[in-house]
Amino acid sequence: MDILTTTLWTLLVITSCLIIILVLMHRGRGGGIADMFGGGIASGINATGSGERNLDRITWGVVIVFGMVIILLGLITKYWS
């Protein structure tokens, strides 16, 4: 059980970092911190419609994996500790 717990904790750290990176890569929609520091101009040039959709899909996939890992760690902690 220790190997599974260690693997899940490692996966949790990796997905947490990926979520932070992926959310920061999204284009600013206006009125937020991204526009305050000039991020709206740079992200508007770099992001296309299909690129933004793919980034959304990847982000949601990572978030789903993150949620599943949290649930599994909770179940392991409750029933096998």
N, C-alpha and C. Protein backbone atom coordinates (compact mmCIF):
# COMPACT_ATOMS: atom_id res chain seq x y z
N MET A 1 0.81 -1.19 0.00
CA MET A 1 0.00 0.00 0.00
C MET A 1 0.86 1.26 0.00
N ASP A 2 2.08 1.15 0.51
CA ASP A 2 2.97 2.31 0.55
C ASP A 2 3.37 2.76 -0.85
N ILE A 3 3.55 1.82 -1.75
CA ILE A 3 3.93 2.18 -3.12
C ILE A 3 2.80 2.93 -3.80
N LEU A 4 1.56 2.48 -3.60
CA LEU A 4 0.40 3.14 -4.18
C LEU A 4 0.24 4.55 -3.61
N THR A 5 0.39 4.70 -2.31
CA THR A 5 0.27 6.01 -1.68
C THR A 5 1.35 6.96 -2.17
N THR A 6 2.57 6.48 -2.26
CA THR A 6 3.67 7.30 -2.76
C THR A 6 3.45 7.71 -4.21
N THR A 7 2.97 6.79 -5.02
CA THR A 7 2.68 7.09 -6.42
C THR A 7 1.59 8.13 -6.54
N LEU A 8 0.55 7.99 -5.73
CA LEU A 8 -0.55 8.96 -5.79
C LEU A 8 -0.11 10.34 -5.31
N TRP A 9 0.71 10.40 -4.26
CA TRP A 9 1.21 11.70 -3.80
C TRP A 9 2.10 12.35 -4.86
N THR A 10 2.92 11.55 -5.53
CA THR A 10 3.76 12.09 -6.60
C THR A 10 2.90 12.61 -7.75
N LEU A 11 1.88 11.84 -8.12
CA LEU A 11 0.97 12.27 -9.17
C LEU A 11 0.22 13.53 -8.77
N LEU A 12 -0.11 13.65 -7.50
CA LEU A 12 -0.79 14.85 -7.01
C LEU A 12 0.09 16.09 -7.15
N VAL A 13 1.36 15.96 -6.81
CA VAL A 13 2.28 17.10 -6.94
C VAL A 13 2.47 17.48 -8.41
N ILE A 14 2.62 16.48 -9.27
CA ILE A 14 2.81 16.74 -10.70
C ILE A 14 1.58 17.41 -11.30
N THR A 15 0.38 16.89 -10.99
CA THR A 15 -0.82 17.49 -11.56
C THR A 15 -1.07 18.89 -10.98
N SER A 16 -0.71 19.11 -9.73
CA SER A 16 -0.85 20.45 -9.15
C SER A 16 0.01 21.46 -9.90
N CYS A 17 1.24 21.10 -10.15
CA CYS A 17 2.13 22.00 -10.90
C CYS A 17 1.64 22.20 -12.33
N LEU A 18 1.16 21.13 -12.95
CA LEU A 18 0.62 21.26 -14.31
C LEU A 18 -0.60 22.17 -14.37
N ILE A 19 -1.47 22.08 -13.38
CA ILE A 19 -2.65 22.95 -13.35
C ILE A 19 -2.23 24.41 -13.25
N ILE A 20 -1.27 24.70 -12.40
CA ILE A 20 -0.79 26.07 -12.26
C ILE A 20 -0.24 26.58 -13.59
N ILE A 21 0.59 25.78 -14.23
CA ILE A 21 1.19 26.18 -15.50
C ILE A 21 0.14 26.35 -16.58
N LEU A 22 -0.79 25.41 -16.69
CA LEU A 22 -1.80 25.47 -17.74
C LEU A 22 -2.75 26.64 -17.54
N VAL A 23 -3.13 26.94 -16.31
CA VAL A 23 -4.02 28.07 -16.07
C VAL A 23 -3.32 29.38 -16.40
N LEU A 24 -2.04 29.47 -16.07
CA LEU A 24 -1.31 30.68 -16.40
C LEU A 24 -1.09 30.86 -17.89
N MET A 25 -1.15 29.77 -18.66
CA MET A 25 -0.98 29.86 -20.11
C MET A 25 -2.24 30.34 -20.81
N HIS A 26 -3.40 30.29 -20.15
CA HIS A 26 -4.64 30.70 -20.78
C HIS A 26 -4.63 32.20 -21.09
N ARG A 27 -5.35 32.54 -22.11
CA ARG A 27 -5.45 33.93 -22.53
C ARG A 27 -6.33 34.68 -21.55
N GLY A 28 -5.91 35.90 -21.23
CA GLY A 28 -6.70 36.75 -20.35
C GLY A 28 -7.97 37.21 -21.07
N ARG A 29 -9.08 37.23 -20.37
CA ARG A 29 -10.35 37.62 -20.96
C ARG A 29 -10.65 39.10 -20.76
N GLY A 30 -9.76 39.82 -20.14
CA GLY A 30 -9.96 41.25 -19.95
C GLY A 30 -10.34 41.59 -18.53
N GLY A 31 -9.81 42.70 -18.05
CA GLY A 31 -10.17 43.18 -16.73
C GLY A 31 -9.48 42.47 -15.59
N GLY A 32 -8.57 41.59 -15.87
CA GLY A 32 -7.91 40.85 -14.79
C GLY A 32 -6.45 41.25 -14.64
N ILE A 33 -5.75 40.44 -13.91
CA ILE A 33 -4.34 40.70 -13.65
C ILE A 33 -3.52 40.59 -14.94
N ALA A 34 -3.96 39.72 -15.85
CA ALA A 34 -3.22 39.55 -17.11
C ALA A 34 -3.17 40.86 -17.89
N ASP A 35 -4.25 41.61 -17.92
CA ASP A 35 -4.26 42.89 -18.63
C ASP A 35 -3.47 43.96 -17.90
N MET A 36 -3.43 43.87 -16.59
CA MET A 36 -2.73 44.88 -15.82
C MET A 36 -1.23 44.89 -16.16
N PHE A 37 -0.68 43.72 -16.40
CA PHE A 37 0.74 43.62 -16.69
C PHE A 37 1.03 43.44 -18.17
N GLY A 38 0.07 43.70 -19.03
CA GLY A 38 0.28 43.60 -20.46
C GLY A 38 0.13 42.22 -21.02
N GLY A 39 -0.40 41.27 -20.25
CA GLY A 39 -0.56 39.90 -20.70
C GLY A 39 -1.63 39.74 -21.76
N GLY A 40 -2.59 40.66 -21.79
CA GLY A 40 -3.66 40.57 -22.77
C GLY A 40 -3.16 40.73 -24.20
N ILE A 41 -2.19 41.60 -24.40
CA ILE A 41 -1.65 41.82 -25.73
C ILE A 41 -0.81 40.62 -26.18
N ALA A 42 0.05 40.15 -25.32
CA ALA A 42 0.94 39.04 -25.67
C ALA A 42 0.15 37.75 -25.88
N SER A 43 -0.82 37.50 -25.03
CA SER A 43 -1.55 36.25 -25.18
C SER A 43 -2.50 36.31 -26.36
N GLY A 44 -2.96 37.48 -26.73
CA GLY A 44 -3.81 37.61 -27.91
C GLY A 44 -3.06 37.29 -29.18
N ILE A 45 -1.79 37.58 -29.21
CA ILE A 45 -0.97 37.29 -30.39
C ILE A 45 -0.65 35.80 -30.45
N ASN A 46 -0.34 35.20 -29.30
CA ASN A 46 0.13 33.82 -29.27
C ASN A 46 -0.99 32.78 -29.37
N ALA A 47 -2.18 33.10 -28.88
CA ALA A 47 -3.22 32.08 -28.78
C ALA A 47 -4.20 32.18 -29.94
N THR A 48 -4.44 31.07 -30.60
CA THR A 48 -5.46 31.00 -31.63
C THR A 48 -6.69 30.34 -31.06
N GLY A 49 -7.78 30.33 -31.81
CA GLY A 49 -9.01 29.70 -31.33
C GLY A 49 -8.85 28.22 -31.07
N SER A 50 -8.24 27.51 -32.02
CA SER A 50 -8.06 26.07 -31.83
C SER A 50 -7.02 25.78 -30.77
N GLY A 51 -5.99 26.61 -30.67
CA GLY A 51 -4.98 26.43 -29.63
C GLY A 51 -5.57 26.61 -28.25
N GLU A 52 -6.45 27.60 -28.12
CA GLU A 52 -7.10 27.83 -26.83
C GLU A 52 -8.04 26.69 -26.46
N ARG A 53 -8.75 26.16 -27.44
CA ARG A 53 -9.64 25.01 -27.18
C ARG A 53 -8.84 23.79 -26.75
N ASN A 54 -7.73 23.54 -27.42
CA ASN A 54 -6.88 22.40 -27.03
C ASN A 54 -6.31 22.59 -25.63
N LEU A 55 -5.92 23.81 -25.32
CA LEU A 55 -5.41 24.10 -23.98
C LEU A 55 -6.50 23.89 -22.94
N ASP A 56 -7.74 24.26 -23.27
CA ASP A 56 -8.87 24.01 -22.37
C ASP A 56 -9.06 22.52 -22.13
N ARG A 57 -9.00 21.74 -23.19
CA ARG A 57 -9.19 20.29 -23.06
C ARG A 57 -8.10 19.65 -22.22
N ILE A 58 -6.87 20.07 -22.46
CA ILE A 58 -5.75 19.52 -21.68
C ILE A 58 -5.90 19.90 -20.21
N THR A 59 -6.28 21.16 -19.96
CA THR A 59 -6.45 21.62 -18.59
C THR A 59 -7.54 20.83 -17.88
N TRP A 60 -8.68 20.62 -18.54
CA TRP A 60 -9.76 19.85 -17.93
C TRP A 60 -9.35 18.41 -17.69
N GLY A 61 -8.58 17.82 -18.59
CA GLY A 61 -8.09 16.46 -18.39
C GLY A 61 -7.21 16.35 -17.16
N VAL A 62 -6.31 17.33 -16.99
CA VAL A 62 -5.42 17.32 -15.83
C VAL A 62 -6.23 17.55 -14.55
N VAL A 63 -7.23 18.42 -14.61
CA VAL A 63 -8.07 18.68 -13.43
C VAL A 63 -8.85 17.43 -13.03
N ILE A 64 -9.34 16.68 -14.01
CA ILE A 64 -10.06 15.44 -13.70
C ILE A 64 -9.13 14.42 -13.05
N VAL A 65 -7.92 14.28 -13.57
CA VAL A 65 -6.94 13.37 -12.96
C VAL A 65 -6.62 13.83 -11.54
N PHE A 66 -6.45 15.14 -11.35
CA PHE A 66 -6.19 15.70 -10.03
C PHE A 66 -7.31 15.34 -9.05
N GLY A 67 -8.55 15.52 -9.48
CA GLY A 67 -9.69 15.19 -8.62
C GLY A 67 -9.75 13.71 -8.27
N MET A 68 -9.47 12.86 -9.25
CA MET A 68 -9.48 11.42 -9.00
C MET A 68 -8.40 11.03 -8.00
N VAL A 69 -7.24 11.64 -8.11
CA VAL A 69 -6.15 11.34 -7.17
C VAL A 69 -6.53 11.78 -5.76
N ILE A 70 -7.16 12.95 -5.63
CA ILE A 70 -7.59 13.43 -4.32
C ILE A 70 -8.59 12.44 -3.70
N ILE A 71 -9.55 11.98 -4.50
CA ILE A 71 -10.56 11.03 -3.99
C ILE A 71 -9.89 9.72 -3.59
N LEU A 72 -9.00 9.20 -4.43
CA LEU A 72 -8.32 7.95 -4.08
C LEU A 72 -7.48 8.08 -2.82
N LEU A 73 -6.77 9.19 -2.67
CA LEU A 73 -5.98 9.39 -1.45
C LEU A 73 -6.89 9.47 -0.22
N GLY A 74 -8.04 10.11 -0.37
CA GLY A 74 -8.98 10.17 0.74
C GLY A 74 -9.51 8.81 1.12
N LEU A 75 -9.85 7.99 0.12
CA LEU A 75 -10.34 6.63 0.40
C LEU A 75 -9.26 5.77 1.05
N ILE A 76 -8.05 5.88 0.55
CA ILE A 76 -6.94 5.10 1.14
C ILE A 76 -6.71 5.52 2.58
N THR A 77 -6.74 6.81 2.83
CA THR A 77 -6.53 7.30 4.19
C THR A 77 -7.62 6.84 5.14
N LYS A 78 -8.86 6.83 4.66
CA LYS A 78 -9.99 6.47 5.51
C LYS A 78 -10.06 4.97 5.80
N TYR A 79 -9.85 4.15 4.78
CA TYR A 79 -10.11 2.73 4.94
C TYR A 79 -8.88 1.87 5.17
N TRP A 80 -7.70 2.31 4.81
CA TRP A 80 -6.52 1.45 4.94
C TRP A 80 -5.44 2.01 5.84
N SER A 81 -5.78 3.01 6.63
CA SER A 81 -4.77 3.55 7.54
C SER A 81 -4.94 3.02 8.93
